[in-house]
């Protein structure tokens, strides 16, 4: 069973997108959600989201890009950077201790 943390998911409300993909990002904090990793090693499976801790703040446009047919390596690199940025925000904000 995957790790679920409602506080992490809810913390996305009003946040800035941490993907900031040039030419893609809409920079609209009203559309930001907790974007789960698409990597198997993070708990992702068919019809199963990754563990909540493996995610990042992403706007609707960056989320669509990440979930779409973009190059796998580009997606992995973009997620890693967004994940690291988001992790710092979660810790500084007291969502994760």
PDB file of N, CA and C in Angstrom:
ATOM      1  N   UNK A   1       0.838  -1.175   0.000  1.00  0.00           N
ATOM      2  CA  UNK A   1       0.000   0.000   0.000  1.00  0.00           C
ATOM      3  C   UNK A   1       0.888   1.245   0.000  1.00  0.00           C
ATOM      4  N   UNK A   2       0.524   2.221  -0.799  1.00  0.00           N
ATOM      5  CA  UNK A   2       1.330   3.430  -0.923  1.00  0.00           C
ATOM      6  C   UNK A   2       1.091   4.405   0.220  1.00  0.00           C
ATOM      7  N   UNK A   3       2.112   5.192   0.499  1.00  0.00           N
ATOM      8  CA  UNK A   3       2.054   6.232   1.522  1.00  0.00           C
ATOM      9  C   UNK A   3       1.184   7.373   1.025  1.00  0.00           C
ATOM     10  N   UNK A   4       0.159   7.716   1.795  1.00  0.00           N
ATOM     11  CA  UNK A   4      -0.741   8.821   1.460  1.00  0.00           C
ATOM     12  C   UNK A   4      -0.637   9.863   2.556  1.00  0.00           C
ATOM     13  N   UNK A   5      -0.504  11.129   2.154  1.00  0.00           N
ATOM     14  CA  UNK A   5      -0.403  12.226   3.113  1.00  0.00           C
ATOM     15  C   UNK A   5      -1.270  13.378   2.600  1.00  0.00           C
ATOM     16  N   UNK A   6      -2.442  13.518   3.189  1.00  0.00           N
ATOM     17  CA  UNK A   6      -3.395  14.545   2.766  1.00  0.00           C
ATOM     18  C   UNK A   6      -2.816  15.945   2.907  1.00  0.00           C
ATOM     19  N   UNK A   7      -1.987  16.175   3.911  1.00  0.00           N
ATOM     20  CA  UNK A   7      -1.381  17.495   4.103  1.00  0.00           C
ATOM     21  C   UNK A   7      -0.485  17.878   2.932  1.00  0.00           C
ATOM     22  N   UNK A   8       0.243  16.910   2.390  1.00  0.00           N
ATOM     23  CA  UNK A   8       1.097  17.190   1.230  1.00  0.00           C
ATOM     24  C   UNK A   8       0.233  17.596   0.046  1.00  0.00           C
ATOM     25  N   UNK A   9      -0.781  16.816  -0.248  1.00  0.00           N
ATOM     26  CA  UNK A   9      -1.647  17.104  -1.399  1.00  0.00           C
ATOM     27  C   UNK A   9      -2.319  18.461  -1.250  1.00  0.00           C
ATOM     28  N   UNK A  10      -2.843  18.743  -0.080  1.00  0.00           N
ATOM     29  CA  UNK A  10      -3.552  20.008   0.154  1.00  0.00           C
ATOM     30  C   UNK A  10      -2.612  21.210   0.167  1.00  0.00           C
ATOM     31  N   UNK A  11      -1.341  20.987   0.446  1.00  0.00           N
ATOM     32  CA  UNK A  11      -0.386  22.097   0.512  1.00  0.00           C
ATOM     33  C   UNK A  11      -0.151  22.743  -0.849  1.00  0.00           C
ATOM     34  N   UNK A  12      -0.605  22.103  -1.921  1.00  0.00           N
ATOM     35  CA  UNK A  12      -0.410  22.642  -3.276  1.00  0.00           C
ATOM     36  C   UNK A  12      -1.285  23.860  -3.554  1.00  0.00           C
ATOM     37  N   UNK A  13      -2.356  24.013  -2.806  1.00  0.00           N
ATOM     38  CA  UNK A  13      -3.285  25.128  -3.049  1.00  0.00           C
ATOM     39  C   UNK A  13      -2.572  26.470  -2.961  1.00  0.00           C
ATOM     40  N   UNK A  14      -2.572  27.209  -4.083  1.00  0.00           N
ATOM     41  CA  UNK A  14      -1.988  28.543  -4.123  1.00  0.00           C
ATOM     42  C   UNK A  14      -0.471  28.599  -4.247  1.00  0.00           C
ATOM     43  N   UNK A  15       0.188  27.468  -4.362  1.00  0.00           N
ATOM     44  CA  UNK A  15       1.651  27.434  -4.498  1.00  0.00           C
ATOM     45  C   UNK A  15       2.092  27.818  -5.897  1.00  0.00           C
ATOM     46  N   UNK A  16       3.358  28.137  -6.020  1.00  0.00           N
ATOM     47  CA  UNK A  16       3.956  28.392  -7.327  1.00  0.00           C
ATOM     48  C   UNK A  16       4.400  27.067  -7.939  1.00  0.00           C
ATOM     49  N   UNK A  17       4.284  26.983  -9.248  1.00  0.00           N
ATOM     50  CA  UNK A  17       4.751  25.808  -9.970  1.00  0.00           C
ATOM     51  C   UNK A  17       6.256  25.684  -9.794  1.00  0.00           C
ATOM     52  N   UNK A  18       6.722  24.486  -9.502  1.00  0.00           N
ATOM     53  CA  UNK A  18       8.149  24.250  -9.331  1.00  0.00           C
ATOM     54  C   UNK A  18       8.770  23.571 -10.549  1.00  0.00           C
ATOM     55  N   UNK A  19       7.952  23.227 -11.526  1.00  0.00           N
ATOM     56  CA  UNK A  19       8.481  22.678 -12.781  1.00  0.00           C
ATOM     57  C   UNK A  19       9.012  23.817 -13.649  1.00  0.00           C
ATOM     58  N   UNK A  20       8.203  24.866 -13.807  1.00  0.00           N
ATOM     59  CA  UNK A  20       8.599  26.051 -14.583  1.00  0.00           C
ATOM     60  C   UNK A  20       9.225  25.693 -15.925  1.00  0.00           C
ATOM     61  N   UNK A  21       8.575  24.830 -16.673  1.00  0.00           N
ATOM     62  CA  UNK A  21       9.105  24.382 -17.959  1.00  0.00           C
ATOM     63  C   UNK A  21       8.938  25.507 -18.981  1.00  0.00           C
ATOM     64  N   UNK A  22      10.070  26.003 -19.539  1.00  0.00           N
ATOM     65  CA  UNK A  22      10.007  27.103 -20.503  1.00  0.00           C
ATOM     66  C   UNK A  22       9.086  26.778 -21.691  1.00  0.00           C
ATOM     67  N   UNK A  23       8.224  27.727 -22.024  1.00  0.00           N
ATOM     68  CA  UNK A  23       7.307  27.545 -23.133  1.00  0.00           C
ATOM     69  C   UNK A  23       6.100  26.677 -22.813  1.00  0.00           C
ATOM     70  N   UNK A  24       6.042  26.148 -21.596  1.00  0.00           N
ATOM     71  CA  UNK A  24       4.937  25.281 -21.192  1.00  0.00           C
ATOM     72  C   UNK A  24       4.213  25.864 -19.985  1.00  0.00           C
ATOM     73  N   UNK A  25       4.948  26.242 -18.965  1.00  0.00           N
ATOM     74  CA  UNK A  25       4.389  26.676 -17.678  1.00  0.00           C
ATOM     75  C   UNK A  25       3.430  27.855 -17.853  1.00  0.00           C
ATOM     76  N   UNK A  26       2.251  27.769 -17.196  1.00  0.00           N
ATOM     77  CA  UNK A  26       1.289  28.869 -17.267  1.00  0.00           C
ATOM     78  C   UNK A  26       1.435  29.831 -16.079  1.00  0.00           C
ATOM     79  N   UNK A  27       2.288  29.503 -15.107  1.00  0.00           N
ATOM     80  CA  UNK A  27       2.580  30.361 -13.952  1.00  0.00           C
ATOM     81  C   UNK A  27       1.308  30.771 -13.200  1.00  0.00           C
ATOM     82  N   UNK A  28       0.294  29.925 -13.233  1.00  0.00           N
ATOM     83  CA  UNK A  28      -0.980  30.220 -12.577  1.00  0.00           C
ATOM     84  C   UNK A  28      -1.097  29.384 -11.308  1.00  0.00           C
ATOM     85  N   UNK A  29      -0.868  30.019 -10.167  1.00  0.00           N
ATOM     86  CA  UNK A  29      -0.891  29.292  -8.895  1.00  0.00           C
ATOM     87  C   UNK A  29      -2.274  28.705  -8.591  1.00  0.00           C
ATOM     88  N   UNK A  30      -3.306  29.210  -9.224  1.00  0.00           N
ATOM     89  CA  UNK A  30      -4.653  28.666  -9.018  1.00  0.00           C
ATOM     90  C   UNK A  30      -4.804  27.265  -9.617  1.00  0.00           C
ATOM     91  N   UNK A  31      -3.886  26.883 -10.510  1.00  0.00           N
ATOM     92  CA  UNK A  31      -3.981  25.565 -11.157  1.00  0.00           C
ATOM     93  C   UNK A  31      -2.976  24.562 -10.597  1.00  0.00           C
ATOM     94  N   UNK A  32      -2.205  24.967  -9.596  1.00  0.00           N
ATOM     95  CA  UNK A  32      -1.147  24.096  -9.064  1.00  0.00           C
ATOM     96  C   UNK A  32      -1.735  22.957  -8.238  1.00  0.00           C
ATOM     97  N   UNK A  33      -1.231  21.765  -8.506  1.00  0.00           N
ATOM     98  CA  UNK A  33      -1.597  20.551  -7.778  1.00  0.00           C
ATOM     99  C   UNK A  33      -0.315  19.812  -7.404  1.00  0.00           C
ATOM    100  N   UNK A  34      -0.464  18.778  -6.592  1.00  0.00           N
ATOM    101  CA  UNK A  34       0.659  17.916  -6.250  1.00  0.00           C
ATOM    102  C   UNK A  34       0.783  16.873  -7.364  1.00  0.00           C
ATOM    103  N   UNK A  35       1.827  16.986  -8.170  1.00  0.00           N
ATOM    104  CA  UNK A  35       2.049  16.101  -9.308  1.00  0.00           C
ATOM    105  C   UNK A  35       2.889  14.911  -8.841  1.00  0.00           C
ATOM    106  N   UNK A  36       2.306  13.722  -8.905  1.00  0.00           N
ATOM    107  CA  UNK A  36       3.009  12.512  -8.466  1.00  0.00           C
ATOM    108  C   UNK A  36       4.021  12.034  -9.503  1.00  0.00           C
ATOM    109  N   UNK A  37       5.093  11.454  -9.028  1.00  0.00           N
ATOM    110  CA  UNK A  37       6.106  10.861  -9.891  1.00  0.00           C
ATOM    111  C   UNK A  37       5.476   9.777 -10.762  1.00  0.00           C
ATOM    112  N   UNK A  38       6.016   9.595 -11.965  1.00  0.00           N
ATOM    113  CA  UNK A  38       5.549   8.515 -12.830  1.00  0.00           C
ATOM    114  C   UNK A  38       6.550   7.357 -12.862  1.00  0.00           C
ATOM    115  N   UNK A  39       7.442   7.325 -11.872  1.00  0.00           N
ATOM    116  CA  UNK A  39       8.496   6.314 -11.843  1.00  0.00           C
ATOM    117  C   UNK A  39       8.109   5.127 -10.950  1.00  0.00           C
ATOM    118  N   UNK A  40       8.329   3.930 -11.451  1.00  0.00           N
ATOM    119  CA  UNK A  40       8.004   2.717 -10.707  1.00  0.00           C
ATOM    120  C   UNK A  40       8.711   2.667  -9.351  1.00  0.00           C
ATOM    121  N   UNK A  41       9.932   3.148  -9.309  1.00  0.00           N
ATOM    122  CA  UNK A  41      10.701   3.093  -8.060  1.00  0.00           C
ATOM    123  C   UNK A  41      10.102   3.974  -6.969  1.00  0.00           C
ATOM    124  N   UNK A  42       9.174   4.860  -7.341  1.00  0.00           N
ATOM    125  CA  UNK A  42       8.506   5.731  -6.373  1.00  0.00           C
ATOM    126  C   UNK A  42       7.124   5.200  -5.999  1.00  0.00           C
ATOM    127  N   UNK A  43       6.831   3.969  -6.409  1.00  0.00           N
ATOM    128  CA  UNK A  43       5.562   3.332  -6.048  1.00  0.00           C
ATOM    129  C   UNK A  43       4.486   3.410  -7.107  1.00  0.00           C
ATOM    130  N   UNK A  44       4.787   4.009  -8.260  1.00  0.00           N
ATOM    131  CA  UNK A  44       3.820   4.128  -9.350  1.00  0.00           C
ATOM    132  C   UNK A  44       3.534   2.756  -9.940  1.00  0.00           C
ATOM    133  N   UNK A  45       2.278   2.523 -10.249  1.00  0.00           N
ATOM    134  CA  UNK A  45       1.875   1.278 -10.888  1.00  0.00           C
ATOM    135  C   UNK A  45       0.652   1.537 -11.746  1.00  0.00           C
ATOM    136  N   UNK A  46       0.163   0.534 -12.413  1.00  0.00           N
ATOM    137  CA  UNK A  46      -1.021   0.690 -13.244  1.00  0.00           C
ATOM    138  C   UNK A  46      -2.202   1.057 -12.348  1.00  0.00           C
ATOM    139  N   UNK A  47      -2.734   2.256 -12.550  1.00  0.00           N
ATOM    140  CA  UNK A  47      -3.854   2.731 -11.752  1.00  0.00           C
ATOM    141  C   UNK A  47      -3.490   3.104 -10.328  1.00  0.00           C
ATOM    142  N   UNK A  48      -2.191   3.164 -10.020  1.00  0.00           N
ATOM    143  CA  UNK A  48      -1.728   3.484  -8.667  1.00  0.00           C
ATOM    144  C   UNK A  48      -0.768   4.661  -8.735  1.00  0.00           C
ATOM    145  N   UNK A  49      -1.054   5.694  -7.947  1.00  0.00           N
ATOM    146  CA  UNK A  49      -0.149   6.842  -7.887  1.00  0.00           C
ATOM    147  C   UNK A  49       1.069   6.472  -7.060  1.00  0.00           C
ATOM    148  N   UNK A  50       2.168   7.171  -7.297  1.00  0.00           N
ATOM    149  CA  UNK A  50       3.378   7.001  -6.493  1.00  0.00           C
ATOM    150  C   UNK A  50       3.078   7.437  -5.060  1.00  0.00           C
ATOM    151  N   UNK A  51       3.949   7.060  -4.134  1.00  0.00           N
ATOM    152  CA  UNK A  51       3.832   7.522  -2.751  1.00  0.00           C
ATOM    153  C   UNK A  51       3.731   9.048  -2.766  1.00  0.00           C
ATOM    154  N   UNK A  52       2.898   9.606  -1.896  1.00  0.00           N
ATOM    155  CA  UNK A  52       2.693  11.055  -1.895  1.00  0.00           C
ATOM    156  C   UNK A  52       3.984  11.848  -1.704  1.00  0.00           C
ATOM    157  N   UNK A  53       4.930  11.309  -0.995  1.00  0.00           N
ATOM    158  CA  UNK A  53       6.170  12.054  -0.761  1.00  0.00           C
ATOM    159  C   UNK A  53       6.955  12.257  -2.059  1.00  0.00           C
ATOM    160  N   UNK A  54       6.709  11.429  -3.071  1.00  0.00           N
ATOM    161  CA  UNK A  54       7.396  11.565  -4.353  1.00  0.00           C
ATOM    162  C   UNK A  54       6.515  12.343  -5.331  1.00  0.00           C
ATOM    163  N   UNK A  55       6.517  13.649  -5.147  1.00  0.00           N
ATOM    164  CA  UNK A  55       5.731  14.527  -5.984  1.00  0.00           C
ATOM    165  C   UNK A  55       6.345  15.910  -6.004  1.00  0.00           C
ATOM    166  N   UNK A  56       5.667  16.812  -6.690  1.00  0.00           N
ATOM    167  CA  UNK A  56       6.155  18.185  -6.807  1.00  0.00           C
ATOM    168  C   UNK A  56       4.977  19.089  -7.138  1.00  0.00           C
ATOM    169  N   UNK A  57       5.122  20.372  -6.807  1.00  0.00           N
ATOM    170  CA  UNK A  57       4.101  21.354  -7.139  1.00  0.00           C
ATOM    171  C   UNK A  57       4.179  21.660  -8.634  1.00  0.00           C
ATOM    172  N   UNK A  58       3.055  21.485  -9.331  1.00  0.00           N
ATOM    173  CA  UNK A  58       3.041  21.742 -10.761  1.00  0.00           C
ATOM    174  C   UNK A  58       1.734  22.364 -11.224  1.00  0.00           C
ATOM    175  N   UNK A  59       1.834  23.350 -12.117  1.00  0.00           N
ATOM    176  CA  UNK A  59       0.639  23.973 -12.699  1.00  0.00           C
ATOM    177  C   UNK A  59      -0.014  22.980 -13.663  1.00  0.00           C
ATOM    178  N   UNK A  60      -1.215  23.319 -14.100  1.00  0.00           N
ATOM    179  CA  UNK A  60      -1.947  22.421 -14.992  1.00  0.00           C
ATOM    180  C   UNK A  60      -1.197  22.159 -16.304  1.00  0.00           C
ATOM    181  N   UNK A  61      -0.516  23.171 -16.823  1.00  0.00           N
ATOM    182  CA  UNK A  61       0.201  23.000 -18.091  1.00  0.00           C
ATOM    183  C   UNK A  61       1.431  22.096 -17.929  1.00  0.00           C
ATOM    184  N   UNK A  62       2.194  22.312 -16.878  1.00  0.00           N
ATOM    185  CA  UNK A  62       3.372  21.469 -16.640  1.00  0.00           C
ATOM    186  C   UNK A  62       2.955  20.048 -16.292  1.00  0.00           C
ATOM    187  N   UNK A  63       1.846  19.910 -15.552  1.00  0.00           N
ATOM    188  CA  UNK A  63       1.333  18.583 -15.215  1.00  0.00           C
ATOM    189  C   UNK A  63       0.947  17.832 -16.489  1.00  0.00           C
ATOM    190  N   UNK A  64       0.264  18.516 -17.411  1.00  0.00           N
ATOM    191  CA  UNK A  64      -0.125  17.892 -18.680  1.00  0.00           C
ATOM    192  C   UNK A  64       1.106  17.482 -19.484  1.00  0.00           C
ATOM    193  N   UNK A  65       2.123  18.350 -19.494  1.00  0.00           N
ATOM    194  CA  UNK A  65       3.366  18.025 -20.207  1.00  0.00           C
ATOM    195  C   UNK A  65       4.027  16.802 -19.587  1.00  0.00           C
ATOM    196  N   UNK A  66       4.097  16.783 -18.265  1.00  0.00           N
ATOM    197  CA  UNK A  66       4.747  15.672 -17.557  1.00  0.00           C
ATOM    198  C   UNK A  66       3.996  14.363 -17.776  1.00  0.00           C
ATOM    199  N   UNK A  67       2.682  14.427 -17.841  1.00  0.00           N
ATOM    200  CA  UNK A  67       1.863  13.227 -18.023  1.00  0.00           C
ATOM    201  C   UNK A  67       1.761  12.811 -19.487  1.00  0.00           C
ATOM    202  N   UNK A  68       2.244  13.641 -20.376  1.00  0.00           N
ATOM    203  CA  UNK A  68       2.113  13.390 -21.802  1.00  0.00           C
ATOM    204  C   UNK A  68       3.298  12.678 -22.423  1.00  0.00           C
ATOM    205  N   UNK A  69       3.414  12.808 -23.751  1.00  0.00           N
ATOM    206  CA  UNK A  69       4.410  12.048 -24.511  1.00  0.00           C
ATOM    207  C   UNK A  69       5.807  12.672 -24.595  1.00  0.00           C
ATOM    208  N   UNK A  70       6.151  13.577 -23.696  1.00  0.00           N
ATOM    209  CA  UNK A  70       7.484  14.199 -23.729  1.00  0.00           C
ATOM    210  C   UNK A  70       8.581  13.145 -23.561  1.00  0.00           C
ATOM    211  N   UNK A  71       9.777  13.506 -23.976  1.00  0.00           N
ATOM    212  CA  UNK A  71      10.936  12.629 -23.847  1.00  0.00           C
ATOM    213  C   UNK A  71      11.095  12.183 -22.394  1.00  0.00           C
ATOM    214  N   UNK A  72      11.266  10.892 -22.184  1.00  0.00           N
ATOM    215  CA  UNK A  72      11.344  10.313 -20.829  1.00  0.00           C
ATOM    216  C   UNK A  72      12.475  10.929 -19.999  1.00  0.00           C
ATOM    217  N   UNK A  73      13.617  11.134 -20.617  1.00  0.00           N
ATOM    218  CA  UNK A  73      14.749  11.717 -19.894  1.00  0.00           C
ATOM    219  C   UNK A  73      14.460  13.174 -19.519  1.00  0.00           C
ATOM    220  N   UNK A  74      13.854  13.923 -20.419  1.00  0.00           N
ATOM    221  CA  UNK A  74      13.474  15.307 -20.116  1.00  0.00           C
ATOM    222  C   UNK A  74      12.482  15.352 -18.958  1.00  0.00           C
ATOM    223  N   UNK A  75      11.511  14.435 -18.981  1.00  0.00           N
ATOM    224  CA  UNK A  75      10.524  14.372 -17.913  1.00  0.00           C
ATOM    225  C   UNK A  75      11.184  14.028 -16.582  1.00  0.00           C
ATOM    226  N   UNK A  76      12.086  13.068 -16.603  1.00  0.00           N
ATOM    227  CA  UNK A  76      12.769  12.657 -15.368  1.00  0.00           C
ATOM    228  C   UNK A  76      13.582  13.813 -14.795  1.00  0.00           C
ATOM    229  N   UNK A  77      14.309  14.522 -15.649  1.00  0.00           N
ATOM    230  CA  UNK A  77      15.118  15.660 -15.194  1.00  0.00           C
ATOM    231  C   UNK A  77      14.255  16.786 -14.648  1.00  0.00           C
ATOM    232  N   UNK A  78      13.159  17.099 -15.347  1.00  0.00           N
ATOM    233  CA  UNK A  78      12.252  18.163 -14.900  1.00  0.00           C
ATOM    234  C   UNK A  78      11.611  17.793 -13.565  1.00  0.00           C
ATOM    235  N   UNK A  79      11.202  16.529 -13.435  1.00  0.00           N
ATOM    236  CA  UNK A  79      10.589  16.091 -12.179  1.00  0.00           C
ATOM    237  C   UNK A  79      11.591  16.174 -11.039  1.00  0.00           C
ATOM    238  N   UNK A  80      12.815  15.730 -11.262  1.00  0.00           N
ATOM    239  CA  UNK A  80      13.820  15.720 -10.196  1.00  0.00           C
ATOM    240  C   UNK A  80      14.046  17.124  -9.641  1.00  0.00           C
ATOM    241  N   UNK A  81      14.172  18.096 -10.517  1.00  0.00           N
ATOM    242  CA  UNK A  81      14.382  19.478 -10.080  1.00  0.00           C
ATOM    243  C   UNK A  81      13.157  19.998  -9.327  1.00  0.00           C
ATOM    244  N   UNK A  82      11.966  19.761  -9.868  1.00  0.00           N
ATOM    245  CA  UNK A  82      10.730  20.209  -9.216  1.00  0.00           C
ATOM    246  C   UNK A  82      10.549  19.507  -7.872  1.00  0.00           C
ATOM    247  N   UNK A  83      10.871  18.229  -7.814  1.00  0.00           N
ATOM    248  CA  UNK A  83      10.781  17.458  -6.569  1.00  0.00           C
ATOM    249  C   UNK A  83      11.690  18.050  -5.496  1.00  0.00           C
ATOM    250  N   UNK A  84      12.931  18.339  -5.854  1.00  0.00           N
ATOM    251  CA  UNK A  84      13.882  18.900  -4.885  1.00  0.00           C
ATOM    252  C   UNK A  84      13.409  20.260  -4.376  1.00  0.00           C
ATOM    253  N   UNK A  85      12.939  21.108  -5.271  1.00  0.00           N
ATOM    254  CA  UNK A  85      12.427  22.425  -4.875  1.00  0.00           C
ATOM    255  C   UNK A  85      11.218  22.279  -3.955  1.00  0.00           C
ATOM    256  N   UNK A  86      10.317  21.381  -4.316  1.00  0.00           N
ATOM    257  CA  UNK A  86       9.098  21.173  -3.537  1.00  0.00           C
ATOM    258  C   UNK A  86       9.394  20.586  -2.171  1.00  0.00           C
ATOM    259  N   UNK A  87      10.366  19.699  -2.101  1.00  0.00           N
ATOM    260  CA  UNK A  87      10.744  19.095  -0.820  1.00  0.00           C
ATOM    261  C   UNK A  87      11.213  20.156   0.160  1.00  0.00           C
ATOM    262  N   UNK A  88      12.002  21.103  -0.303  1.00  0.00           N
ATOM    263  CA  UNK A  88      12.466  22.195   0.557  1.00  0.00           C
ATOM    264  C   UNK A  88      11.269  23.005   1.063  1.00  0.00           C
ATOM    265  N   UNK A  89      10.313  23.280   0.179  1.00  0.00           N
ATOM    266  CA  UNK A  89       9.119  24.035   0.570  1.00  0.00           C
ATOM    267  C   UNK A  89       8.320  23.265   1.622  1.00  0.00           C
ATOM    268  N   UNK A  90       8.168  21.955   1.429  1.00  0.00           N
ATOM    269  CA  UNK A  90       7.434  21.132   2.392  1.00  0.00           C
ATOM    270  C   UNK A  90       8.089  21.142   3.769  1.00  0.00           C
ATOM    271  N   UNK A  91       9.407  21.049   3.789  1.00  0.00           N
ATOM    272  CA  UNK A  91      10.122  21.032   5.067  1.00  0.00           C
ATOM    273  C   UNK A  91      10.074  22.409   5.736  1.00  0.00           C
ATOM    274  N   UNK A  92      10.366  23.457   4.968  1.00  0.00           N
ATOM    275  CA  UNK A  92      10.335  24.815   5.527  1.00  0.00           C
ATOM    276  C   UNK A  92       8.949  25.177   6.027  1.00  0.00           C
ATOM    277  N   UNK A  93       7.916  24.702   5.353  1.00  0.00           N
ATOM    278  CA  UNK A  93       6.548  25.015   5.744  1.00  0.00           C
ATOM    279  C   UNK A  93       6.010  24.140   6.861  1.00  0.00           C
ATOM    280  N   UNK A  94       6.793  23.169   7.301  1.00  0.00           N
ATOM    281  CA  UNK A  94       6.368  22.299   8.395  1.00  0.00           C
ATOM    282  C   UNK A  94       5.416  21.190   8.000  1.00  0.00           C
ATOM    283  N   UNK A  95       5.207  21.010   6.697  1.00  0.00           N
ATOM    284  CA  UNK A  95       4.329  19.936   6.240  1.00  0.00           C
ATOM    285  C   UNK A  95       5.021  18.589   6.457  1.00  0.00           C
ATOM    286  N   UNK A  96       6.322  18.555   6.211  1.00  0.00           N
ATOM    287  CA  UNK A  96       7.160  17.375   6.498  1.00  0.00           C
ATOM    288  C   UNK A  96       8.194  17.787   7.527  1.00  0.00           C
ATOM    289  N   UNK A  97       8.442  16.891   8.442  1.00  0.00           N
ATOM    290  CA  UNK A  97       9.433  17.189   9.492  1.00  0.00           C
ATOM    291  C   UNK A  97      10.529  16.162   9.490  1.00  0.00           C
TER     292      UNK A  97
END
